[in-house]
Amino acid sequence: MRKLWTFLLVLALIGSALTARAGVRFITDVPQNTIQGKLPKVSNSERNRSRCISAGYTKTRSSCGDKVAVRPCPHNTRMFKGCCDREYSHSKEYCLSRGLKPSRRSCEGMYA
């Protein structure tokens, strides 16, 4: 009889173990318990804009006025390295691919 009860108890424990959905959670999994949870939220666009500015991409299309904005920032395409006159519209690679020699004058890597 004792073996039967032991068998039933083991069977019940195995059955409950198979249906239980337990998991391990750490205190640091909860955002309010971490440093990240306490930092002010900064949007990706603000972070990317800051990256561009720190890398020297400080111009926007509107700040260039009648000039052309050149060399867009890789993090935010609304920020540019500089503004050039409209005559500077070709890259060195473009000139060489057409069999042309780039002029000696350039503006932010763009040639006339």
Protein backbone atom coordinates (compact mmCIF):
# COMPACT_ATOMS: atom_id res chain seq x y z
CA MET A 1 0.00 0.00 0.00
CA ARG A 2 2.86 2.34 0.84
CA LYS A 3 4.37 1.79 -2.63
CA LEU A 4 1.04 2.72 -4.23
CA TRP A 5 0.87 6.01 -2.30
CA THR A 6 4.48 6.79 -3.14
CA PHE A 7 3.82 6.03 -6.80
CA LEU A 8 0.71 8.27 -6.83
CA LEU A 9 2.57 11.07 -5.08
CA VAL A 10 5.47 10.90 -7.56
CA LEU A 11 2.99 10.78 -10.46
CA ALA A 12 1.18 13.87 -9.11
CA LEU A 13 4.46 15.75 -8.68
CA ILE A 14 5.59 14.87 -12.20
CA GLY A 15 2.20 15.91 -13.60
CA SER A 16 2.31 19.26 -11.82
CA ALA A 17 5.91 19.82 -12.90
CA LEU A 18 4.99 19.26 -16.53
CA THR A 19 2.11 21.72 -16.43
CA ALA A 20 3.81 24.37 -14.29
CA ARG A 21 5.09 27.44 -16.08
CA ALA A 22 7.78 28.80 -13.90
CA GLY A 23 10.51 31.17 -14.82
CA VAL A 24 13.38 32.98 -13.21
CA ARG A 25 13.21 36.74 -12.91
CA PHE A 26 15.95 38.91 -11.62
CA ILE A 27 15.49 42.22 -9.85
CA THR A 28 17.44 43.93 -12.62
CA ASP A 29 14.86 42.79 -15.21
CA VAL A 30 12.47 45.46 -13.98
CA PRO A 31 13.33 48.82 -15.62
CA GLN A 32 12.68 50.91 -12.52
CA ASN A 33 15.33 48.89 -10.66
CA THR A 34 18.07 49.68 -13.17
CA ILE A 35 19.99 52.80 -14.08
CA GLN A 36 18.40 52.70 -17.54
CA GLY A 37 14.97 52.98 -15.96
CA LYS A 38 16.00 56.16 -14.14
CA LEU A 39 17.55 57.95 -17.12
CA PRO A 40 15.40 60.46 -19.00
CA LYS A 41 13.99 59.09 -22.22
CA VAL A 42 15.81 60.39 -25.29
CA SER A 43 14.32 59.65 -28.68
CA ASN A 44 16.44 58.10 -31.41
CA SER A 45 16.03 61.18 -33.59
CA GLU A 46 17.42 63.42 -30.83
CA ARG A 47 20.29 61.00 -30.20
CA ASN A 48 21.10 60.79 -33.92
CA ARG A 49 20.96 64.57 -34.26
CA SER A 50 23.42 64.89 -31.37
CA ARG A 51 25.71 62.35 -33.03
CA CYS A 52 25.68 64.35 -36.25
CA ILE A 53 26.42 67.63 -34.51
CA SER A 54 29.30 66.15 -32.55
CA ALA A 55 30.71 64.74 -35.82
CA GLY A 56 30.61 68.17 -37.46
CA TYR A 57 27.36 67.86 -39.43
CA THR A 58 25.79 71.13 -38.32
CA LYS A 59 23.97 72.44 -41.40
CA THR A 60 20.37 71.87 -42.52
CA ARG A 61 18.80 72.59 -45.90
CA SER A 62 17.07 75.66 -44.54
CA SER A 63 20.29 77.04 -43.05
CA CYS A 64 22.00 76.80 -46.47
CA GLY A 65 19.63 79.32 -48.05
CA ASP A 66 20.21 79.43 -51.83
CA LYS A 67 23.22 77.11 -51.60
CA VAL A 68 23.17 73.30 -51.83
CA ALA A 69 23.52 71.18 -48.71
CA VAL A 70 26.26 68.57 -49.24
CA ARG A 71 27.54 65.44 -47.49
CA PRO A 72 24.55 64.21 -45.44
CA CYS A 73 25.14 62.75 -41.99
CA PRO A 74 24.92 58.94 -41.92
CA HIS A 75 22.83 59.05 -38.71
CA ASN A 76 20.31 61.72 -39.76
CA THR A 77 19.87 62.69 -43.40
CA ARG A 78 18.46 66.09 -42.42
CA MET A 79 21.89 67.21 -41.19
CA PHE A 80 24.72 68.10 -43.59
CA LYS A 81 28.46 68.79 -43.41
CA GLY A 82 28.30 72.05 -45.32
CA CYS A 83 26.71 74.32 -47.91
CA CYS A 84 28.17 74.88 -51.37
CA ASP A 85 27.35 77.04 -54.36
CA ARG A 86 25.21 75.24 -56.91
CA GLU A 87 28.15 74.93 -59.31
CA TYR A 88 29.77 72.39 -56.94
CA SER A 89 27.51 69.47 -57.74
CA HIS A 90 29.82 66.59 -58.71
CA SER A 91 31.85 64.22 -56.59
CA LYS A 92 35.42 63.36 -57.52
CA GLU A 93 34.32 59.79 -58.34
CA TYR A 94 31.64 61.10 -60.71
CA CYS A 95 34.15 63.28 -62.57
CA LEU A 96 36.68 60.44 -62.90
CA SER A 97 34.02 57.97 -64.07
CA ARG A 98 33.12 60.37 -66.90
CA GLY A 99 36.77 60.76 -67.90
CA LEU A 100 36.89 64.31 -66.56
CA LYS A 101 39.52 65.84 -64.33
CA PRO A 102 38.09 67.43 -61.16
CA SER A 103 38.76 71.14 -60.84
CA ARG A 104 41.27 72.40 -58.30
CA ARG A 105 38.54 74.20 -56.44
CA SER A 106 36.24 72.13 -54.31
CA CYS A 107 33.64 72.62 -51.62
CA GLU A 108 33.24 69.87 -49.01
CA GLY A 109 34.50 67.29 -51.50
CA MET A 110 32.22 68.44 -54.34
CA TYR A 111 33.66 69.80 -57.59
CA ALA A 112 32.47 72.24 -60.25
